[in-house]
Amino acid sequence: MPQAEDINPRKGRWRRFAAAACLIAPVVALLSVPLYARDRPRLAGVPFFYWYQLAWVPGCIIAMLIAHLLTRRWAQDS
């Protein structure tokens, strides 16, 4: 069990803030439809509207992984 003086609340706060930013970024990017509702540029014949959304699939996975790693509590050996 960590001692009271070992816990740094500022470090935890910044980790939560960074995790929240990782989770909010894909939502904002995908909900701002007017920014990507267009046909050009095309990627392999696919309009920008579709490949932009598909590109966010791995981007969301990476963002969720980073948020998980930032907020995960490490198990301590007893």
PDB file of N, CA and C in Angstrom:
ATOM      1  N   MET A   1       0.845  -1.176   0.000  1.00  0.00           N
ATOM      2  CA  MET A   1       0.000   0.000   0.000  1.00  0.00           C
ATOM      3  C   MET A   1       0.891   1.241   0.000  1.00  0.00           C
ATOM      4  N   PRO A   2       0.662   2.173  -0.926  1.00  0.00           N
ATOM      5  CA  PRO A   2       1.493   3.373  -0.952  1.00  0.00           C
ATOM      6  C   PRO A   2       1.203   4.281   0.236  1.00  0.00           C
ATOM      7  N   GLN A   3       2.229   4.920   0.701  1.00  0.00           N
ATOM      8  CA  GLN A   3       2.094   5.853   1.804  1.00  0.00           C
ATOM      9  C   GLN A   3       1.477   7.149   1.290  1.00  0.00           C
ATOM     10  N   ALA A   4       0.909   7.917   2.191  1.00  0.00           N
ATOM     11  CA  ALA A   4       0.244   9.157   1.811  1.00  0.00           C
ATOM     12  C   ALA A   4       1.222  10.131   1.148  1.00  0.00           C
ATOM     13  N   GLU A   5       2.470  10.136   1.614  1.00  0.00           N
ATOM     14  CA  GLU A   5       3.440  11.068   1.030  1.00  0.00           C
ATOM     15  C   GLU A   5       3.956  10.602  -0.329  1.00  0.00           C
ATOM     16  N   ASP A   6       3.723   9.314  -0.694  1.00  0.00           N
ATOM     17  CA  ASP A   6       4.166   8.799  -1.991  1.00  0.00           C
ATOM     18  C   ASP A   6       3.198   9.144  -3.119  1.00  0.00           C
ATOM     19  N   ILE A   7       1.971   9.487  -2.773  1.00  0.00           N
ATOM     20  CA  ILE A   7       0.961   9.781  -3.783  1.00  0.00           C
ATOM     21  C   ILE A   7       1.100  11.238  -4.211  1.00  0.00           C
ATOM     22  N   ASN A   8       1.222  11.447  -5.527  1.00  0.00           N
ATOM     23  CA  ASN A   8       1.346  12.787  -6.073  1.00  0.00           C
ATOM     24  C   ASN A   8       0.049  13.121  -6.810  1.00  0.00           C
ATOM     25  N   PRO A   9      -0.840  13.927  -6.221  1.00  0.00           N
ATOM     26  CA  PRO A   9      -2.119  14.205  -6.874  1.00  0.00           C
ATOM     27  C   PRO A   9      -1.962  14.970  -8.178  1.00  0.00           C
ATOM     28  N   ARG A  10      -0.925  15.767  -8.303  1.00  0.00           N
ATOM     29  CA  ARG A  10      -0.720  16.531  -9.538  1.00  0.00           C
ATOM     30  C   ARG A  10      -0.406  15.598 -10.697  1.00  0.00           C
ATOM     31  N   LYS A  11       0.381  14.570 -10.450  1.00  0.00           N
ATOM     32  CA  LYS A  11       0.716  13.610 -11.495  1.00  0.00           C
ATOM     33  C   LYS A  11      -0.539  12.881 -11.975  1.00  0.00           C
ATOM     34  N   GLY A  12      -1.401  12.484 -11.050  1.00  0.00           N
ATOM     35  CA  GLY A  12      -2.643  11.818 -11.400  1.00  0.00           C
ATOM     36  C   GLY A  12      -3.584  12.710 -12.180  1.00  0.00           C
ATOM     37  N   ARG A  13      -3.611  13.970 -11.813  1.00  0.00           N
ATOM     38  CA  ARG A  13      -4.472  14.927 -12.504  1.00  0.00           C
ATOM     39  C   ARG A  13      -4.034  15.091 -13.954  1.00  0.00           C
ATOM     40  N   TRP A  14      -2.750  15.233 -14.199  1.00  0.00           N
ATOM     41  CA  TRP A  14      -2.261  15.388 -15.568  1.00  0.00           C
ATOM     42  C   TRP A  14      -2.472  14.132 -16.390  1.00  0.00           C
ATOM     43  N   ARG A  15      -2.362  12.971 -15.764  1.00  0.00           N
ATOM     44  CA  ARG A  15      -2.625  11.720 -16.476  1.00  0.00           C
ATOM     45  C   ARG A  15      -4.092  11.624 -16.882  1.00  0.00           C
ATOM     46  N   ARG A  16      -4.980  12.002 -15.995  1.00  0.00           N
ATOM     47  CA  ARG A  16      -6.407  11.979 -16.330  1.00  0.00           C
ATOM     48  C   ARG A  16      -6.730  12.993 -17.419  1.00  0.00           C
ATOM     49  N   PHE A  17      -6.109  14.166 -17.358  1.00  0.00           N
ATOM     50  CA  PHE A  17      -6.320  15.193 -18.379  1.00  0.00           C
ATOM     51  C   PHE A  17      -5.833  14.699 -19.741  1.00  0.00           C
ATOM     52  N   ALA A  18      -4.661  14.081 -19.782  1.00  0.00           N
ATOM     53  CA  ALA A  18      -4.123  13.547 -21.041  1.00  0.00           C
ATOM     54  C   ALA A  18      -4.993  12.411 -21.568  1.00  0.00           C
ATOM     55  N   ALA A  19      -5.489  11.561 -20.673  1.00  0.00           N
ATOM     56  CA  ALA A  19      -6.369  10.465 -21.098  1.00  0.00           C
ATOM     57  C   ALA A  19      -7.674  11.022 -21.655  1.00  0.00           C
ATOM     58  N   ALA A  20      -8.222  12.040 -21.025  1.00  0.00           N
ATOM     59  CA  ALA A  20      -9.455  12.654 -21.522  1.00  0.00           C
ATOM     60  C   ALA A  20      -9.238  13.291 -22.890  1.00  0.00           C
ATOM     61  N   ALA A  21      -8.081  13.925 -23.075  1.00  0.00           N
ATOM     62  CA  ALA A  21      -7.775  14.520 -24.375  1.00  0.00           C
ATOM     63  C   ALA A  21      -7.664  13.448 -25.456  1.00  0.00           C
ATOM     64  N   CYS A  22      -7.082  12.298 -25.106  1.00  0.00           N
ATOM     65  CA  CYS A  22      -6.976  11.194 -26.065  1.00  0.00           C
ATOM     66  C   CYS A  22      -8.351  10.654 -26.451  1.00  0.00           C
ATOM     67  N   LEU A  23      -9.285  10.678 -25.531  1.00  0.00           N
ATOM     68  CA  LEU A  23     -10.623  10.169 -25.818  1.00  0.00           C
ATOM     69  C   LEU A  23     -11.505  11.199 -26.517  1.00  0.00           C
ATOM     70  N   ILE A  24     -11.277  12.462 -26.260  1.00  0.00           N
ATOM     71  CA  ILE A  24     -12.101  13.512 -26.853  1.00  0.00           C
ATOM     72  C   ILE A  24     -11.665  13.828 -28.288  1.00  0.00           C
ATOM     73  N   ALA A  25     -10.384  13.718 -28.595  1.00  0.00           N
ATOM     74  CA  ALA A  25      -9.878  14.088 -29.922  1.00  0.00           C
ATOM     75  C   ALA A  25     -10.583  13.345 -31.061  1.00  0.00           C
ATOM     76  N   PRO A  26     -10.730  12.021 -31.022  1.00  0.00           N
ATOM     77  CA  PRO A  26     -11.438  11.349 -32.120  1.00  0.00           C
ATOM     78  C   PRO A  26     -12.907  11.751 -32.220  1.00  0.00           C
ATOM     79  N   VAL A  27     -13.550  11.991 -31.087  1.00  0.00           N
ATOM     80  CA  VAL A  27     -14.960  12.391 -31.106  1.00  0.00           C
ATOM     81  C   VAL A  27     -15.115  13.730 -31.802  1.00  0.00           C
ATOM     82  N   VAL A  28     -14.283  14.676 -31.440  1.00  0.00           N
ATOM     83  CA  VAL A  28     -14.348  16.004 -32.049  1.00  0.00           C
ATOM     84  C   VAL A  28     -14.014  15.924 -33.535  1.00  0.00           C
ATOM     85  N   ALA A  29     -13.001  15.149 -33.878  1.00  0.00           N
ATOM     86  CA  ALA A  29     -12.593  15.038 -35.275  1.00  0.00           C
ATOM     87  C   ALA A  29     -13.675  14.405 -36.139  1.00  0.00           C
ATOM     88  N   LEU A  30     -14.406  13.456 -35.594  1.00  0.00           N
ATOM     89  CA  LEU A  30     -15.435  12.780 -36.382  1.00  0.00           C
ATOM     90  C   LEU A  30     -16.785  13.493 -36.337  1.00  0.00           C
ATOM     91  N   LEU A  31     -17.043  14.289 -35.333  1.00  0.00           N
ATOM     92  CA  LEU A  31     -18.301  15.027 -35.279  1.00  0.00           C
ATOM     93  C   LEU A  31     -18.249  16.345 -36.044  1.00  0.00           C
ATOM     94  N   SER A  32     -17.083  16.776 -36.447  1.00  0.00           N
ATOM     95  CA  SER A  32     -16.952  18.003 -37.232  1.00  0.00           C
ATOM     96  C   SER A  32     -17.067  17.659 -38.722  1.00  0.00           C
ATOM     97  N   VAL A  33     -18.241  17.184 -39.100  1.00  0.00           N
ATOM     98  CA  VAL A  33     -18.491  16.691 -40.461  1.00  0.00           C
ATOM     99  C   VAL A  33     -18.221  17.738 -41.538  1.00  0.00           C
ATOM    100  N   PRO A  34     -18.573  19.004 -41.369  1.00  0.00           N
ATOM    101  CA  PRO A  34     -18.300  19.970 -42.439  1.00  0.00           C
ATOM    102  C   PRO A  34     -16.820  20.069 -42.826  1.00  0.00           C
ATOM    103  N   LEU A  35     -15.930  19.682 -41.930  1.00  0.00           N
ATOM    104  CA  LEU A  35     -14.502  19.753 -42.255  1.00  0.00           C
ATOM    105  C   LEU A  35     -14.067  18.669 -43.241  1.00  0.00           C
ATOM    106  N   TYR A  36     -14.767  17.550 -43.276  1.00  0.00           N
ATOM    107  CA  TYR A  36     -14.350  16.469 -44.164  1.00  0.00           C
ATOM    108  C   TYR A  36     -15.449  15.997 -45.104  1.00  0.00           C
ATOM    109  N   ALA A  37     -16.546  16.717 -45.206  1.00  0.00           N
ATOM    110  CA  ALA A  37     -17.635  16.347 -46.109  1.00  0.00           C
ATOM    111  C   ALA A  37     -17.319  16.849 -47.524  1.00  0.00           C
ATOM    112  N   ARG A  38     -16.402  16.164 -48.184  1.00  0.00           N
ATOM    113  CA  ARG A  38     -16.025  16.534 -49.550  1.00  0.00           C
ATOM    114  C   ARG A  38     -15.567  15.293 -50.305  1.00  0.00           C
ATOM    115  N   ASP A  39     -15.426  15.462 -51.583  1.00  0.00           N
ATOM    116  CA  ASP A  39     -15.093  14.340 -52.454  1.00  0.00           C
ATOM    117  C   ASP A  39     -13.584  14.184 -52.671  1.00  0.00           C
ATOM    118  N   ARG A  40     -12.890  15.283 -52.732  1.00  0.00           N
ATOM    119  CA  ARG A  40     -11.461  15.250 -53.031  1.00  0.00           C
ATOM    120  C   ARG A  40     -10.659  15.577 -51.788  1.00  0.00           C
ATOM    121  N   PRO A  41      -9.479  15.087 -51.589  1.00  0.00           N
ATOM    122  CA  PRO A  41      -8.701  14.195 -52.444  1.00  0.00           C
ATOM    123  C   PRO A  41      -9.171  12.744 -52.323  1.00  0.00           C
ATOM    124  N   ARG A  42      -8.953  12.007 -53.358  1.00  0.00           N
ATOM    125  CA  ARG A  42      -9.331  10.596 -53.369  1.00  0.00           C
ATOM    126  C   ARG A  42      -8.109   9.746 -53.042  1.00  0.00           C
ATOM    127  N   LEU A  43      -8.348   8.646 -52.379  1.00  0.00           N
ATOM    128  CA  LEU A  43      -7.291   7.690 -52.052  1.00  0.00           C
ATOM    129  C   LEU A  43      -7.698   6.348 -52.642  1.00  0.00           C
ATOM    130  N   ALA A  44      -6.998   5.923 -53.686  1.00  0.00           N
ATOM    131  CA  ALA A  44      -7.309   4.681 -54.403  1.00  0.00           C
ATOM    132  C   ALA A  44      -8.750   4.694 -54.911  1.00  0.00           C
ATOM    133  N   GLY A  45      -9.229   5.845 -55.354  1.00  0.00           N
ATOM    134  CA  GLY A  45     -10.572   5.970 -55.890  1.00  0.00           C
ATOM    135  C   GLY A  45     -11.659   6.167 -54.850  1.00  0.00           C
ATOM    136  N   VAL A  46     -11.298   6.140 -53.575  1.00  0.00           N
ATOM    137  CA  VAL A  46     -12.278   6.308 -52.495  1.00  0.00           C
ATOM    138  C   VAL A  46     -12.339   7.791 -52.119  1.00  0.00           C
ATOM    139  N   PRO A  47     -13.551   8.368 -52.077  1.00  0.00           N
ATOM    140  CA  PRO A  47     -13.670   9.784 -51.706  1.00  0.00           C
ATOM    141  C   PRO A  47     -13.138  10.063 -50.296  1.00  0.00           C
ATOM    142  N   PHE A  48     -12.699  11.292 -50.102  1.00  0.00           N
ATOM    143  CA  PHE A  48     -12.115  11.726 -48.834  1.00  0.00           C
ATOM    144  C   PHE A  48     -13.057  11.469 -47.661  1.00  0.00           C
ATOM    145  N   PHE A  49     -14.352  11.702 -47.856  1.00  0.00           N
ATOM    146  CA  PHE A  49     -15.333  11.521 -46.794  1.00  0.00           C
ATOM    147  C   PHE A  49     -15.248  10.135 -46.168  1.00  0.00           C
ATOM    148  N   TYR A  50     -15.060   9.109 -46.983  1.00  0.00           N
ATOM    149  CA  TYR A  50     -15.033   7.735 -46.485  1.00  0.00           C
ATOM    150  C   TYR A  50     -13.671   7.344 -45.908  1.00  0.00           C
ATOM    151  N   TRP A  51     -12.588   7.685 -46.626  1.00  0.00           N
ATOM    152  CA  TRP A  51     -11.296   7.224 -46.110  1.00  0.00           C
ATOM    153  C   TRP A  51     -10.858   8.017 -44.882  1.00  0.00           C
ATOM    154  N   TYR A  52     -11.350   9.239 -44.720  1.00  0.00           N
ATOM    155  CA  TYR A  52     -11.052   9.990 -43.501  1.00  0.00           C
ATOM    156  C   TYR A  52     -11.647   9.280 -42.287  1.00  0.00           C
ATOM    157  N   GLN A  53     -12.902   8.832 -42.406  1.00  0.00           N
ATOM    158  CA  GLN A  53     -13.550   8.128 -41.304  1.00  0.00           C
ATOM    159  C   GLN A  53     -12.880   6.782 -41.043  1.00  0.00           C
ATOM    160  N   LEU A  54     -12.514   6.086 -42.100  1.00  0.00           N
ATOM    161  CA  LEU A  54     -11.844   4.793 -41.921  1.00  0.00           C
ATOM    162  C   LEU A  54     -10.452   4.952 -41.325  1.00  0.00           C
ATOM    163  N   ALA A  55      -9.803   6.041 -41.625  1.00  0.00           N
ATOM    164  CA  ALA A  55      -8.473   6.279 -41.051  1.00  0.00           C
ATOM    165  C   ALA A  55      -8.557   6.489 -39.541  1.00  0.00           C
ATOM    166  N   TRP A  56      -9.699   6.937 -39.055  1.00  0.00           N
ATOM    167  CA  TRP A  56      -9.861   7.150 -37.626  1.00  0.00           C
ATOM    168  C   TRP A  56     -10.093   5.863 -36.847  1.00  0.00           C
ATOM    169  N   VAL A  57     -10.390   4.760 -37.518  1.00  0.00           N
ATOM    170  CA  VAL A  57     -10.594   3.497 -36.798  1.00  0.00           C
ATOM    171  C   VAL A  57      -9.316   3.097 -36.056  1.00  0.00           C
ATOM    172  N   PRO A  58      -8.163   2.963 -36.745  1.00  0.00           N
ATOM    173  CA  PRO A  58      -6.942   2.670 -35.971  1.00  0.00           C
ATOM    174  C   PRO A  58      -6.536   3.835 -35.077  1.00  0.00           C
ATOM    175  N   GLY A  59      -6.872   5.063 -35.497  1.00  0.00           N
ATOM    176  CA  GLY A  59      -6.565   6.215 -34.651  1.00  0.00           C
ATOM    177  C   GLY A  59      -7.304   6.168 -33.326  1.00  0.00           C
ATOM    178  N   CYS A  60      -8.574   5.750 -33.354  1.00  0.00           N
ATOM    179  CA  CYS A  60      -9.354   5.608 -32.121  1.00  0.00           C
ATOM    180  C   CYS A  60      -8.807   4.495 -31.248  1.00  0.00           C
ATOM    181  N   ILE A  61      -8.388   3.414 -31.872  1.00  0.00           N
ATOM    182  CA  ILE A  61      -7.814   2.302 -31.112  1.00  0.00           C
ATOM    183  C   ILE A  61      -6.552   2.757 -30.387  1.00  0.00           C
ATOM    184  N   ILE A  62      -5.706   3.472 -31.091  1.00  0.00           N
ATOM    185  CA  ILE A  62      -4.463   3.964 -30.488  1.00  0.00           C
ATOM    186  C   ILE A  62      -4.768   4.955 -29.368  1.00  0.00           C
ATOM    187  N   ALA A  63      -5.738   5.843 -29.592  1.00  0.00           N
ATOM    188  CA  ALA A  63      -6.102   6.820 -28.558  1.00  0.00           C
ATOM    189  C   ALA A  63      -6.652   6.131 -27.311  1.00  0.00           C
ATOM    190  N   MET A  64      -7.483   5.101 -27.502  1.00  0.00           N
ATOM    191  CA  MET A  64      -8.020   4.379 -26.344  1.00  0.00           C
ATOM    192  C   MET A  64      -6.926   3.601 -25.616  1.00  0.00           C
ATOM    193  N   LEU A  65      -5.982   3.049 -26.367  1.00  0.00           N
ATOM    194  CA  LEU A  65      -4.868   2.344 -25.737  1.00  0.00           C
ATOM    195  C   LEU A  65      -4.031   3.295 -24.891  1.00  0.00           C
ATOM    196  N   ILE A  66      -3.735   4.461 -25.434  1.00  0.00           N
ATOM    197  CA  ILE A  66      -2.958   5.450 -24.686  1.00  0.00           C
ATOM    198  C   ILE A  66      -3.717   5.892 -23.435  1.00  0.00           C
ATOM    199  N   ALA A  67      -5.031   6.139 -23.571  1.00  0.00           N
ATOM    200  CA  ALA A  67      -5.833   6.541 -22.411  1.00  0.00           C
ATOM    201  C   ALA A  67      -5.854   5.440 -21.357  1.00  0.00           C
ATOM    202  N   HIS A  68      -5.947   4.202 -21.799  1.00  0.00           N
ATOM    203  CA  HIS A  68      -5.936   3.085 -20.852  1.00  0.00           C
ATOM    204  C   HIS A  68      -4.600   3.008 -20.124  1.00  0.00           C
ATOM    205  N   LEU A  69      -3.513   3.143 -20.861  1.00  0.00           N
ATOM    206  CA  LEU A  69      -2.192   3.064 -20.242  1.00  0.00           C
ATOM    207  C   LEU A  69      -1.963   4.221 -19.274  1.00  0.00           C
ATOM    208  N   LEU A  70      -2.516   5.377 -19.578  1.00  0.00           N
ATOM    209  CA  LEU A  70      -2.355   6.530 -18.693  1.00  0.00           C
ATOM    210  C   LEU A  70      -3.158   6.387 -17.403  1.00  0.00           C
ATOM    211  N   THR A  71      -4.274   5.693 -17.457  1.00  0.00           N
ATOM    212  CA  THR A  71      -5.137   5.615 -16.279  1.00  0.00           C
ATOM    213  C   THR A  71      -5.050   4.280 -15.550  1.00  0.00           C
ATOM    214  N   ARG A  72      -4.297   3.346 -16.093  1.00  0.00           N
ATOM    215  CA  ARG A  72      -4.199   2.032 -15.457  1.00  0.00           C
ATOM    216  C   ARG A  72      -3.466   2.140 -14.126  1.00  0.00           C
ATOM    217  N   ARG A  73      -3.964   1.443 -13.174  1.00  0.00           N
ATOM    218  CA  ARG A  73      -3.290   1.394 -11.860  1.00  0.00           C
ATOM    219  C   ARG A  73      -2.412   0.174 -11.836  1.00  0.00           C
ATOM    220  N   TRP A  74      -1.172   0.390 -11.506  1.00  0.00           N
ATOM    221  CA  TRP A  74      -0.212  -0.702 -11.490  1.00  0.00           C
ATOM    222  C   TRP A  74      -0.401  -1.525 -10.231  1.00  0.00           C
ATOM    223  N   ALA A  75      -0.469  -2.832 -10.398  1.00  0.00           N
ATOM    224  CA  ALA A  75      -0.597  -3.733  -9.237  1.00  0.00           C
ATOM    225  C   ALA A  75       0.741  -3.767  -8.513  1.00  0.00           C
ATOM    226  N   GLN A  76       0.654  -3.657  -7.217  1.00  0.00           N
ATOM    227  CA  GLN A  76       1.878  -3.684  -6.416  1.00  0.00           C
ATOM    228  C   GLN A  76       2.068  -5.069  -5.828  1.00  0.00           C
ATOM    229  N   ASP A  77       3.306  -5.509  -5.830  1.00  0.00           N
ATOM    230  CA  ASP A  77       3.626  -6.811  -5.230  1.00  0.00           C
ATOM    231  C   ASP A  77       3.603  -6.663  -3.704  1.00  0.00           C
ATOM    232  N   SER A  78       3.006  -7.623  -3.059  1.00  0.00           N
ATOM    233  CA  SER A  78       2.958  -7.546  -1.599  1.00  0.00           C
ATOM    234  C   SER A  78       3.911  -8.525  -0.974  1.00  0.00           C
TER     235      SER A  78
END
